[in-house]
mmCIF file of all heavy atoms, coordinates in Angstrom:
data_MODEL
# 
_entry.id   MODEL 
# 
loop_
_atom_site.group_PDB 
_atom_site.id 
_atom_site.type_symbol 
_atom_site.label_atom_id 
_atom_site.label_alt_id 
_atom_site.label_comp_id 
_atom_site.label_asym_id 
_atom_site.label_entity_id 
_atom_site.label_seq_id 
_atom_site.pdbx_PDB_ins_code 
_atom_site.Cartn_x 
_atom_site.Cartn_y 
_atom_site.Cartn_z 
_atom_site.occupancy 
_atom_site.B_iso_or_equiv 
_atom_site.pdbx_formal_charge 
_atom_site.auth_seq_id 
_atom_site.auth_comp_id 
_atom_site.auth_asym_id 
_atom_site.auth_atom_id 
_atom_site.pdbx_PDB_model_num 
ATOM 1   N N   . THR A 1 1  ? -7.654  14.022 -26.290 1.00 0.00 ? 1  THR A N   1 
ATOM 2   C CA  . THR A 1 1  ? -6.760  13.592 -25.118 1.00 0.00 ? 1  THR A CA  1 
ATOM 3   C C   . THR A 1 1  ? -7.584  13.240 -23.939 1.00 0.00 ? 1  THR A C   1 
ATOM 4   O O   . THR A 1 1  ? -8.535  13.926 -23.634 1.00 0.00 ? 1  THR A O   1 
ATOM 5   C CB  . THR A 1 1  ? -5.801  14.717 -24.785 1.00 0.00 ? 1  THR A CB  1 
ATOM 6   O OG1 . THR A 1 1  ? -4.999  15.059 -25.899 1.00 0.00 ? 1  THR A OG1 1 
ATOM 7   C CG2 . THR A 1 1  ? -4.880  14.300 -23.627 1.00 0.00 ? 1  THR A CG2 1 
ATOM 8   N N   . THR A 1 2  ? -7.227  12.093 -23.318 1.00 0.00 ? 2  THR A N   1 
ATOM 9   C CA  . THR A 1 2  ? -7.901  11.706 -22.121 1.00 0.00 ? 2  THR A CA  1 
ATOM 10  C C   . THR A 1 2  ? -6.799  11.406 -21.001 1.00 0.00 ? 2  THR A C   1 
ATOM 11  O O   . THR A 1 2  ? -5.671  11.232 -21.403 1.00 0.00 ? 2  THR A O   1 
ATOM 12  C CB  . THR A 1 2  ? -8.764  10.474 -22.266 1.00 0.00 ? 2  THR A CB  1 
ATOM 13  O OG1 . THR A 1 2  ? -7.934  9.345  -22.678 1.00 0.00 ? 2  THR A OG1 1 
ATOM 14  C CG2 . THR A 1 2  ? -9.808  10.731 -23.329 1.00 0.00 ? 2  THR A CG2 1 
ATOM 15  N N   . ILE A 1 3  ? -7.229  11.370 -19.805 1.00 0.00 ? 3  ILE A N   1 
ATOM 16  C CA  . ILE A 1 3  ? -6.310  11.002 -18.645 1.00 0.00 ? 3  ILE A CA  1 
ATOM 17  C C   . ILE A 1 3  ? -6.877  9.772  -18.089 1.00 0.00 ? 3  ILE A C   1 
ATOM 18  O O   . ILE A 1 3  ? -8.034  9.647  -17.849 1.00 0.00 ? 3  ILE A O   1 
ATOM 19  C CB  . ILE A 1 3  ? -6.179  12.208 -17.684 1.00 0.00 ? 3  ILE A CB  1 
ATOM 20  C CG1 . ILE A 1 3  ? -5.102  11.942 -16.679 1.00 0.00 ? 3  ILE A CG1 1 
ATOM 21  C CG2 . ILE A 1 3  ? -7.476  12.524 -17.042 1.00 0.00 ? 3  ILE A CG2 1 
ATOM 22  C CD1 . ILE A 1 3  ? -4.760  13.142 -15.853 1.00 0.00 ? 3  ILE A CD1 1 
ATOM 23  N N   . SER A 1 4  ? -5.955  8.795  -17.710 1.00 0.00 ? 4  SER A N   1 
ATOM 24  C CA  . SER A 1 4  ? -6.403  7.595  -17.158 1.00 0.00 ? 4  SER A CA  1 
ATOM 25  C C   . SER A 1 4  ? -6.021  7.613  -15.669 1.00 0.00 ? 4  SER A C   1 
ATOM 26  O O   . SER A 1 4  ? -5.009  8.077  -15.228 1.00 0.00 ? 4  SER A O   1 
ATOM 27  C CB  . SER A 1 4  ? -5.783  6.398  -17.826 1.00 0.00 ? 4  SER A CB  1 
ATOM 28  O OG  . SER A 1 4  ? -4.326  6.473  -17.714 1.00 0.00 ? 4  SER A OG  1 
ATOM 29  N N   . ILE A 1 5  ? -6.992  6.986  -14.816 1.00 0.00 ? 5  ILE A N   1 
ATOM 30  C CA  . ILE A 1 5  ? -6.872  6.946  -13.399 1.00 0.00 ? 5  ILE A CA  1 
ATOM 31  C C   . ILE A 1 5  ? -7.021  5.484  -12.913 1.00 0.00 ? 5  ILE A C   1 
ATOM 32  O O   . ILE A 1 5  ? -7.966  4.796  -13.310 1.00 0.00 ? 5  ILE A O   1 
ATOM 33  C CB  . ILE A 1 5  ? -7.765  7.877  -12.678 1.00 0.00 ? 5  ILE A CB  1 
ATOM 34  C CG1 . ILE A 1 5  ? -7.573  7.754  -11.173 1.00 0.00 ? 5  ILE A CG1 1 
ATOM 35  C CG2 . ILE A 1 5  ? -9.232  7.624  -13.052 1.00 0.00 ? 5  ILE A CG2 1 
ATOM 36  C CD1 . ILE A 1 5  ? -8.339  8.897  -10.361 1.00 0.00 ? 5  ILE A CD1 1 
ATOM 37  N N   . ALA A 1 6  ? -6.120  5.032  -12.127 1.00 0.00 ? 6  ALA A N   1 
ATOM 38  C CA  . ALA A 1 6  ? -6.175  3.733  -11.504 1.00 0.00 ? 6  ALA A CA  1 
ATOM 39  C C   . ALA A 1 6  ? -6.831  3.793  -10.144 1.00 0.00 ? 6  ALA A C   1 
ATOM 40  O O   . ALA A 1 6  ? -6.392  4.624  -9.270  1.00 0.00 ? 6  ALA A O   1 
ATOM 41  C CB  . ALA A 1 6  ? -4.753  2.978  -11.378 1.00 0.00 ? 6  ALA A CB  1 
ATOM 42  N N   . VAL A 1 7  ? -7.875  3.045  -9.837  1.00 0.00 ? 7  VAL A N   1 
ATOM 43  C CA  . VAL A 1 7  ? -8.552  3.155  -8.653  1.00 0.00 ? 7  VAL A CA  1 
ATOM 44  C C   . VAL A 1 7  ? -8.781  1.704  -8.067  1.00 0.00 ? 7  VAL A C   1 
ATOM 45  O O   . VAL A 1 7  ? -8.928  0.716  -8.931  1.00 0.00 ? 7  VAL A O   1 
ATOM 46  C CB  . VAL A 1 7  ? -10.024 3.786  -8.855  1.00 0.00 ? 7  VAL A CB  1 
ATOM 47  C CG1 . VAL A 1 7  ? -10.772 3.857  -7.555  1.00 0.00 ? 7  VAL A CG1 1 
ATOM 48  C CG2 . VAL A 1 7  ? -9.871  5.131  -9.391  1.00 0.00 ? 7  VAL A CG2 1 
ATOM 49  N N   . GLN A 1 8  ? -8.824  1.565  -6.799  1.00 0.00 ? 8  GLN A N   1 
ATOM 50  C CA  . GLN A 1 8  ? -8.946  0.262  -6.209  1.00 0.00 ? 8  GLN A CA  1 
ATOM 51  C C   . GLN A 1 8  ? -10.277 -0.345 -6.649  1.00 0.00 ? 8  GLN A C   1 
ATOM 52  O O   . GLN A 1 8  ? -11.363 0.293  -6.706  1.00 0.00 ? 8  GLN A O   1 
ATOM 53  C CB  . GLN A 1 8  ? -9.009  0.316  -4.652  1.00 0.00 ? 8  GLN A CB  1 
ATOM 54  C CG  . GLN A 1 8  ? -9.050  -0.948 -3.900  1.00 0.00 ? 8  GLN A CG  1 
ATOM 55  C CD  . GLN A 1 8  ? -9.085  -0.791 -2.464  1.00 0.00 ? 8  GLN A CD  1 
ATOM 56  O OE1 . GLN A 1 8  ? -9.708  0.165  -1.947  1.00 0.00 ? 8  GLN A OE1 1 
ATOM 57  N NE2 . GLN A 1 8  ? -8.515  -1.712 -1.674  1.00 0.00 ? 8  GLN A NE2 1 
ATOM 58  N N   . LYS A 1 9  ? -10.311 -1.614 -7.037  1.00 0.00 ? 9  LYS A N   1 
ATOM 59  C CA  . LYS A 1 9  ? -11.469 -2.247 -7.603  1.00 0.00 ? 9  LYS A CA  1 
ATOM 60  C C   . LYS A 1 9  ? -12.691 -2.372 -6.598  1.00 0.00 ? 9  LYS A C   1 
ATOM 61  O O   . LYS A 1 9  ? -13.755 -2.133 -6.997  1.00 0.00 ? 9  LYS A O   1 
ATOM 62  C CB  . LYS A 1 9  ? -11.094 -3.713 -8.095  1.00 0.00 ? 9  LYS A CB  1 
ATOM 63  C CG  . LYS A 1 9  ? -12.276 -4.475 -8.664  1.00 0.00 ? 9  LYS A CG  1 
ATOM 64  C CD  . LYS A 1 9  ? -11.760 -5.775 -9.201  1.00 0.00 ? 9  LYS A CD  1 
ATOM 65  C CE  . LYS A 1 9  ? -12.927 -6.681 -9.702  1.00 0.00 ? 9  LYS A CE  1 
ATOM 66  N NZ  . LYS A 1 9  ? -13.791 -5.995 -10.685 1.00 0.00 ? 9  LYS A NZ  1 
ATOM 67  N N   . SER A 1 10 ? -12.373 -2.593 -5.351  1.00 0.00 ? 10 SER A N   1 
ATOM 68  C CA  . SER A 1 10 ? -13.523 -2.713 -4.379  1.00 0.00 ? 10 SER A CA  1 
ATOM 69  C C   . SER A 1 10 ? -12.972 -2.319 -3.020  1.00 0.00 ? 10 SER A C   1 
ATOM 70  O O   . SER A 1 10 ? -11.664 -2.200 -2.773  1.00 0.00 ? 10 SER A O   1 
ATOM 71  C CB  . SER A 1 10 ? -14.068 -4.125 -4.354  1.00 0.00 ? 10 SER A CB  1 
ATOM 72  O OG  . SER A 1 10 ? -13.063 -5.034 -3.976  1.00 0.00 ? 10 SER A OG  1 
ATOM 73  N N   . GLY A 1 11 ? -13.831 -2.096 -2.031  1.00 0.00 ? 11 GLY A N   1 
ATOM 74  C CA  . GLY A 1 11 ? -13.411 -1.762 -0.671  1.00 0.00 ? 11 GLY A CA  1 
ATOM 75  C C   . GLY A 1 11 ? -13.692 -0.319 -0.345  1.00 0.00 ? 11 GLY A C   1 
ATOM 76  O O   . GLY A 1 11 ? -14.225 0.463  -1.083  1.00 0.00 ? 11 GLY A O   1 
ATOM 77  N N   . ARG A 1 12 ? -13.343 -0.012 0.957   1.00 0.00 ? 12 ARG A N   1 
ATOM 78  C CA  . ARG A 1 12 ? -13.624 1.316  1.521   1.00 0.00 ? 12 ARG A CA  1 
ATOM 79  C C   . ARG A 1 12 ? -12.953 2.455  0.717   1.00 0.00 ? 12 ARG A C   1 
ATOM 80  O O   . ARG A 1 12 ? -13.496 3.561  0.394   1.00 0.00 ? 12 ARG A O   1 
ATOM 81  C CB  . ARG A 1 12 ? -13.220 1.423  2.954   1.00 0.00 ? 12 ARG A CB  1 
ATOM 82  C CG  . ARG A 1 12 ? -13.635 2.702  3.698   1.00 0.00 ? 12 ARG A CG  1 
ATOM 83  C CD  . ARG A 1 12 ? -13.413 2.523  5.144   1.00 0.00 ? 12 ARG A CD  1 
ATOM 84  N NE  . ARG A 1 12 ? -11.962 2.319  5.476   1.00 0.00 ? 12 ARG A NE  1 
ATOM 85  C CZ  . ARG A 1 12 ? -11.231 3.244  6.012   1.00 0.00 ? 12 ARG A CZ  1 
ATOM 86  N NH1 . ARG A 1 12 ? -11.689 4.468  6.208   1.00 0.00 ? 12 ARG A NH1 1 
ATOM 87  N NH2 . ARG A 1 12 ? -10.030 3.028  6.381   1.00 0.00 ? 12 ARG A NH2 1 
ATOM 88  N N   . LEU A 1 13 ? -11.670 2.232  0.313   1.00 0.00 ? 13 LEU A N   1 
ATOM 89  C CA  . LEU A 1 13 ? -10.868 3.200  -0.419  1.00 0.00 ? 13 LEU A CA  1 
ATOM 90  C C   . LEU A 1 13 ? -11.552 3.494  -1.736  1.00 0.00 ? 13 LEU A C   1 
ATOM 91  O O   . LEU A 1 13 ? -11.735 4.638  -2.262  1.00 0.00 ? 13 LEU A O   1 
ATOM 92  C CB  . LEU A 1 13 ? -9.480  2.788  -0.606  1.00 0.00 ? 13 LEU A CB  1 
ATOM 93  C CG  . LEU A 1 13 ? -8.484  3.753  -1.387  1.00 0.00 ? 13 LEU A CG  1 
ATOM 94  C CD1 . LEU A 1 13 ? -8.424  5.067  -0.675  1.00 0.00 ? 13 LEU A CD1 1 
ATOM 95  C CD2 . LEU A 1 13 ? -7.183  3.154  -1.560  1.00 0.00 ? 13 LEU A CD2 1 
ATOM 96  N N   . SER A 1 14 ? -11.979 2.378  -2.394  1.00 0.00 ? 14 SER A N   1 
ATOM 97  C CA  . SER A 1 14 ? -12.681 2.549  -3.679  1.00 0.00 ? 14 SER A CA  1 
ATOM 98  C C   . SER A 1 14 ? -13.882 3.332  -3.623  1.00 0.00 ? 14 SER A C   1 
ATOM 99  O O   . SER A 1 14 ? -14.150 4.235  -4.435  1.00 0.00 ? 14 SER A O   1 
ATOM 100 C CB  . SER A 1 14 ? -13.008 1.110  -4.321  1.00 0.00 ? 14 SER A CB  1 
ATOM 101 O OG  . SER A 1 14 ? -13.708 1.209  -5.467  1.00 0.00 ? 14 SER A OG  1 
ATOM 102 N N   . GLU A 1 15 ? -14.745 2.989  -2.630  1.00 0.00 ? 15 GLU A N   1 
ATOM 103 C CA  . GLU A 1 15 ? -16.074 3.641  -2.440  1.00 0.00 ? 15 GLU A CA  1 
ATOM 104 C C   . GLU A 1 15 ? -15.865 5.217  -2.307  1.00 0.00 ? 15 GLU A C   1 
ATOM 105 O O   . GLU A 1 15 ? -16.539 6.056  -2.927  1.00 0.00 ? 15 GLU A O   1 
ATOM 106 C CB  . GLU A 1 15 ? -16.849 3.162  -1.319  1.00 0.00 ? 15 GLU A CB  1 
ATOM 107 C CG  . GLU A 1 15 ? -17.329 1.705  -1.552  1.00 0.00 ? 15 GLU A CG  1 
ATOM 108 C CD  . GLU A 1 15 ? -17.836 1.104  -0.349  1.00 0.00 ? 15 GLU A CD  1 
ATOM 109 O OE1 . GLU A 1 15 ? -17.967 1.854  0.741   1.00 0.00 ? 15 GLU A OE1 1 
ATOM 110 O OE2 . GLU A 1 15 ? -18.291 -0.064 -0.320  1.00 0.00 ? 15 GLU A OE2 1 
ATOM 111 N N   . LYS A 1 16 ? -14.907 5.600  -1.450  1.00 0.00 ? 16 LYS A N   1 
ATOM 112 C CA  . LYS A 1 16 ? -14.683 7.006  -1.176  1.00 0.00 ? 16 LYS A CA  1 
ATOM 113 C C   . LYS A 1 16 ? -14.002 7.673  -2.351  1.00 0.00 ? 16 LYS A C   1 
ATOM 114 O O   . LYS A 1 16 ? -14.278 8.883  -2.674  1.00 0.00 ? 16 LYS A O   1 
ATOM 115 C CB  . LYS A 1 16 ? -13.816 7.133  0.155   1.00 0.00 ? 16 LYS A CB  1 
ATOM 116 C CG  . LYS A 1 16 ? -14.611 6.794  1.398   1.00 0.00 ? 16 LYS A CG  1 
ATOM 117 C CD  . LYS A 1 16 ? -13.710 7.029  2.634   1.00 0.00 ? 16 LYS A CD  1 
ATOM 118 C CE  . LYS A 1 16 ? -14.542 6.757  3.916   1.00 0.00 ? 16 LYS A CE  1 
ATOM 119 N NZ  . LYS A 1 16 ? -15.630 7.792  4.075   1.00 0.00 ? 16 LYS A NZ  1 
ATOM 120 N N   . SER A 1 17 ? -13.133 7.028  -3.069  1.00 0.00 ? 17 SER A N   1 
ATOM 121 C CA  . SER A 1 17 ? -12.495 7.569  -4.244  1.00 0.00 ? 17 SER A CA  1 
ATOM 122 C C   . SER A 1 17 ? -13.576 7.889  -5.336  1.00 0.00 ? 17 SER A C   1 
ATOM 123 O O   . SER A 1 17 ? -13.567 8.988  -5.912  1.00 0.00 ? 17 SER A O   1 
ATOM 124 C CB  . SER A 1 17 ? -11.439 6.647  -4.752  1.00 0.00 ? 17 SER A CB  1 
ATOM 125 O OG  . SER A 1 17 ? -10.489 6.346  -3.862  1.00 0.00 ? 17 SER A OG  1 
ATOM 126 N N   . LEU A 1 18 ? -14.437 6.912  -5.551  1.00 0.00 ? 18 LEU A N   1 
ATOM 127 C CA  . LEU A 1 18 ? -15.476 7.081  -6.622  1.00 0.00 ? 18 LEU A CA  1 
ATOM 128 C C   . LEU A 1 18 ? -16.464 8.112  -6.206  1.00 0.00 ? 18 LEU A C   1 
ATOM 129 O O   . LEU A 1 18 ? -16.959 8.937  -6.988  1.00 0.00 ? 18 LEU A O   1 
ATOM 130 C CB  . LEU A 1 18 ? -16.138 5.791  -6.936  1.00 0.00 ? 18 LEU A CB  1 
ATOM 131 C CG  . LEU A 1 18 ? -15.246 4.687  -7.451  1.00 0.00 ? 18 LEU A CG  1 
ATOM 132 C CD1 . LEU A 1 18 ? -15.899 3.405  -7.731  1.00 0.00 ? 18 LEU A CD1 1 
ATOM 133 C CD2 . LEU A 1 18 ? -14.467 5.195  -8.658  1.00 0.00 ? 18 LEU A CD2 1 
ATOM 134 N N   . ASP A 1 19 ? -16.787 8.247  -4.862  1.00 0.00 ? 19 ASP A N   1 
ATOM 135 C CA  . ASP A 1 19 ? -17.765 9.264  -4.440  1.00 0.00 ? 19 ASP A CA  1 
ATOM 136 C C   . ASP A 1 19 ? -17.147 10.672 -4.630  1.00 0.00 ? 19 ASP A C   1 
ATOM 137 O O   . ASP A 1 19 ? -17.921 11.618 -5.069  1.00 0.00 ? 19 ASP A O   1 
ATOM 138 C CB  . ASP A 1 19 ? -18.025 9.048  -2.933  1.00 0.00 ? 19 ASP A CB  1 
ATOM 139 C CG  . ASP A 1 19 ? -18.951 7.947  -2.608  1.00 0.00 ? 19 ASP A CG  1 
ATOM 140 O OD1 . ASP A 1 19 ? -19.591 7.459  -3.569  1.00 0.00 ? 19 ASP A OD1 1 
ATOM 141 O OD2 . ASP A 1 19 ? -19.014 7.482  -1.497  1.00 0.00 ? 19 ASP A OD2 1 
ATOM 142 N N   . LEU A 1 20 ? -15.840 10.788 -4.397  1.00 0.00 ? 20 LEU A N   1 
ATOM 143 C CA  . LEU A 1 20 ? -15.152 12.121 -4.635  1.00 0.00 ? 20 LEU A CA  1 
ATOM 144 C C   . LEU A 1 20 ? -15.261 12.501 -6.090  1.00 0.00 ? 20 LEU A C   1 
ATOM 145 O O   . LEU A 1 20 ? -15.538 13.646 -6.447  1.00 0.00 ? 20 LEU A O   1 
ATOM 146 C CB  . LEU A 1 20 ? -13.734 12.020 -4.133  1.00 0.00 ? 20 LEU A CB  1 
ATOM 147 C CG  . LEU A 1 20 ? -12.845 13.198 -4.494  1.00 0.00 ? 20 LEU A CG  1 
ATOM 148 C CD1 . LEU A 1 20 ? -13.329 14.407 -3.709  1.00 0.00 ? 20 LEU A CD1 1 
ATOM 149 C CD2 . LEU A 1 20 ? -11.336 12.938 -4.053  1.00 0.00 ? 20 LEU A CD2 1 
ATOM 150 N N   . ILE A 1 21 ? -14.926 11.539 -6.937  1.00 0.00 ? 21 ILE A N   1 
ATOM 151 C CA  . ILE A 1 21 ? -14.943 11.800 -8.395  1.00 0.00 ? 21 ILE A CA  1 
ATOM 152 C C   . ILE A 1 21 ? -16.374 12.190 -8.909  1.00 0.00 ? 21 ILE A C   1 
ATOM 153 O O   . ILE A 1 21 ? -16.560 13.135 -9.647  1.00 0.00 ? 21 ILE A O   1 
ATOM 154 C CB  . ILE A 1 21 ? -14.350 10.641 -9.149  1.00 0.00 ? 21 ILE A CB  1 
ATOM 155 C CG1 . ILE A 1 21 ? -12.822 10.623 -8.774  1.00 0.00 ? 21 ILE A CG1 1 
ATOM 156 C CG2 . ILE A 1 21 ? -14.494 10.820 -10.662 1.00 0.00 ? 21 ILE A CG2 1 
ATOM 157 C CD1 . ILE A 1 21 ? -12.170 9.355  -9.343  1.00 0.00 ? 21 ILE A CD1 1 
ATOM 158 N N   . ARG A 1 22 ? -17.335 11.429 -8.414  1.00 0.00 ? 22 ARG A N   1 
ATOM 159 C CA  . ARG A 1 22 ? -18.763 11.811 -8.756  1.00 0.00 ? 22 ARG A CA  1 
ATOM 160 C C   . ARG A 1 22 ? -19.153 13.138 -8.346  1.00 0.00 ? 22 ARG A C   1 
ATOM 161 O O   . ARG A 1 22 ? -19.848 13.878 -9.032  1.00 0.00 ? 22 ARG A O   1 
ATOM 162 C CB  . ARG A 1 22 ? -19.688 10.767 -8.163  1.00 0.00 ? 22 ARG A CB  1 
ATOM 163 C CG  . ARG A 1 22 ? -19.727 9.434  -8.929  1.00 0.00 ? 22 ARG A CG  1 
ATOM 164 C CD  . ARG A 1 22 ? -20.893 8.604  -8.349  1.00 0.00 ? 22 ARG A CD  1 
ATOM 165 N NE  . ARG A 1 22 ? -20.917 7.235  -8.954  1.00 0.00 ? 22 ARG A NE  1 
ATOM 166 C CZ  . ARG A 1 22 ? -20.414 6.186  -8.365  1.00 0.00 ? 22 ARG A CZ  1 
ATOM 167 N NH1 . ARG A 1 22 ? -19.884 6.279  -7.133  1.00 0.00 ? 22 ARG A NH1 1 
ATOM 168 N NH2 . ARG A 1 22 ? -20.449 5.084  -8.971  1.00 0.00 ? 22 ARG A NH2 1 
ATOM 169 N N   . SER A 1 23 ? -18.593 13.518 -7.111  1.00 0.00 ? 23 SER A N   1 
ATOM 170 C CA  . SER A 1 23 ? -18.908 14.935 -6.652  1.00 0.00 ? 23 SER A CA  1 
ATOM 171 C C   . SER A 1 23 ? -18.285 15.969 -7.457  1.00 0.00 ? 23 SER A C   1 
ATOM 172 O O   . SER A 1 23 ? -18.722 17.167 -7.412  1.00 0.00 ? 23 SER A O   1 
ATOM 173 C CB  . SER A 1 23 ? -18.363 15.033 -5.251  1.00 0.00 ? 23 SER A CB  1 
ATOM 174 O OG  . SER A 1 23 ? -19.015 14.167 -4.298  1.00 0.00 ? 23 SER A OG  1 
ATOM 175 N N   . CYS A 1 24 ? -17.350 15.626 -8.329  1.00 0.00 ? 24 CYS A N   1 
ATOM 176 C CA  . CYS A 1 24 ? -16.680 16.523 -9.270  1.00 0.00 ? 24 CYS A CA  1 
ATOM 177 C C   . CYS A 1 24 ? -17.507 16.685 -10.586 1.00 0.00 ? 24 CYS A C   1 
ATOM 178 O O   . CYS A 1 24 ? -17.008 17.213 -11.585 1.00 0.00 ? 24 CYS A O   1 
ATOM 179 C CB  . CYS A 1 24 ? -15.256 16.129 -9.625  1.00 0.00 ? 24 CYS A CB  1 
ATOM 180 S SG  . CYS A 1 24 ? -14.186 16.208 -8.196  1.00 0.00 ? 24 CYS A SG  1 
ATOM 181 N N   . GLY A 1 25 ? -18.705 16.120 -10.627 1.00 0.00 ? 25 GLY A N   1 
ATOM 182 C CA  . GLY A 1 25 ? -19.575 16.216 -11.832 1.00 0.00 ? 25 GLY A CA  1 
ATOM 183 C C   . GLY A 1 25 ? -19.133 15.233 -12.898 1.00 0.00 ? 25 GLY A C   1 
ATOM 184 O O   . GLY A 1 25 ? -19.396 15.450 -14.118 1.00 0.00 ? 25 GLY A O   1 
ATOM 185 N N   . ILE A 1 26 ? -18.470 14.174 -12.507 1.00 0.00 ? 26 ILE A N   1 
ATOM 186 C CA  . ILE A 1 26 ? -18.039 13.143 -13.509 1.00 0.00 ? 26 ILE A CA  1 
ATOM 187 C C   . ILE A 1 26 ? -18.764 11.827 -13.237 1.00 0.00 ? 26 ILE A C   1 
ATOM 188 O O   . ILE A 1 26 ? -18.775 11.327 -12.195 1.00 0.00 ? 26 ILE A O   1 
ATOM 189 C CB  . ILE A 1 26 ? -16.486 12.870 -13.307 1.00 0.00 ? 26 ILE A CB  1 
ATOM 190 C CG1 . ILE A 1 26 ? -15.780 14.238 -13.503 1.00 0.00 ? 26 ILE A CG1 1 
ATOM 191 C CG2 . ILE A 1 26 ? -15.967 11.827 -14.318 1.00 0.00 ? 26 ILE A CG2 1 
ATOM 192 C CD1 . ILE A 1 26 ? -14.258 14.201 -13.141 1.00 0.00 ? 26 ILE A CD1 1 
ATOM 193 N N   . ASP A 1 27 ? -19.429 11.352 -14.306 1.00 0.00 ? 27 ASP A N   1 
ATOM 194 C CA  . ASP A 1 27 ? -20.186 10.136 -14.159 1.00 0.00 ? 27 ASP A CA  1 
ATOM 195 C C   . ASP A 1 27 ? -19.536 8.962  -14.919 1.00 0.00 ? 27 ASP A C   1 
ATOM 196 O O   . ASP A 1 27 ? -18.738 9.218  -15.796 1.00 0.00 ? 27 ASP A O   1 
ATOM 197 C CB  . ASP A 1 27 ? -21.573 10.273 -14.776 1.00 0.00 ? 27 ASP A CB  1 
ATOM 198 C CG  . ASP A 1 27 ? -22.608 9.283  -14.230 1.00 0.00 ? 27 ASP A CG  1 
ATOM 199 O OD1 . ASP A 1 27 ? -22.234 8.560  -13.267 1.00 0.00 ? 27 ASP A OD1 1 
ATOM 200 O OD2 . ASP A 1 27 ? -23.721 9.263  -14.750 1.00 0.00 ? 27 ASP A OD2 1 
ATOM 201 N N   . PHE A 1 28 ? -19.771 7.713  -14.468 1.00 0.00 ? 28 PHE A N   1 
ATOM 202 C CA  . PHE A 1 28 ? -19.149 6.566  -15.080 1.00 0.00 ? 28 PHE A CA  1 
ATOM 203 C C   . PHE A 1 28 ? -19.878 5.355  -14.579 1.00 0.00 ? 28 PHE A C   1 
ATOM 204 O O   . PHE A 1 28 ? -20.697 5.372  -13.634 1.00 0.00 ? 28 PHE A O   1 
ATOM 205 C CB  . PHE A 1 28 ? -17.638 6.498  -14.611 1.00 0.00 ? 28 PHE A CB  1 
ATOM 206 C CG  . PHE A 1 28 ? -17.520 6.706  -13.175 1.00 0.00 ? 28 PHE A CG  1 
ATOM 207 C CD1 . PHE A 1 28 ? -17.540 5.535  -12.300 1.00 0.00 ? 28 PHE A CD1 1 
ATOM 208 C CD2 . PHE A 1 28 ? -17.354 7.926  -12.571 1.00 0.00 ? 28 PHE A CD2 1 
ATOM 209 C CE1 . PHE A 1 28 ? -17.394 5.707  -10.926 1.00 0.00 ? 28 PHE A CE1 1 
ATOM 210 C CE2 . PHE A 1 28 ? -17.165 8.070  -11.215 1.00 0.00 ? 28 PHE A CE2 1 
ATOM 211 C CZ  . PHE A 1 28 ? -17.187 7.029  -10.378 1.00 0.00 ? 28 PHE A CZ  1 
ATOM 212 N N   . ASN A 1 29 ? -19.489 4.201  -15.228 1.00 0.00 ? 29 ASN A N   1 
ATOM 213 C CA  . ASN A 1 29 ? -20.038 2.869  -14.900 1.00 0.00 ? 29 ASN A CA  1 
ATOM 214 C C   . ASN A 1 29 ? -19.173 2.287  -13.968 1.00 0.00 ? 29 ASN A C   1 
ATOM 215 O O   . ASN A 1 29 ? -17.979 1.915  -14.276 1.00 0.00 ? 29 ASN A O   1 
ATOM 216 C CB  . ASN A 1 29 ? -20.298 2.028  -16.103 1.00 0.00 ? 29 ASN A CB  1 
ATOM 217 C CG  . ASN A 1 29 ? -20.785 0.692  -15.743 1.00 0.00 ? 29 ASN A CG  1 
ATOM 218 O OD1 . ASN A 1 29 ? -21.299 0.440  -14.689 1.00 0.00 ? 29 ASN A OD1 1 
ATOM 219 N ND2 . ASN A 1 29 ? -20.678 -0.268 -16.683 1.00 0.00 ? 29 ASN A ND2 1 
# 
């Protein structure tokens, strides 16, 4: 089972969202 998350493709909201998720020990391309 996986969970899918929709994130803004680019922009300030995208950058902060992905920084938060990386801080949770989750890596991705």
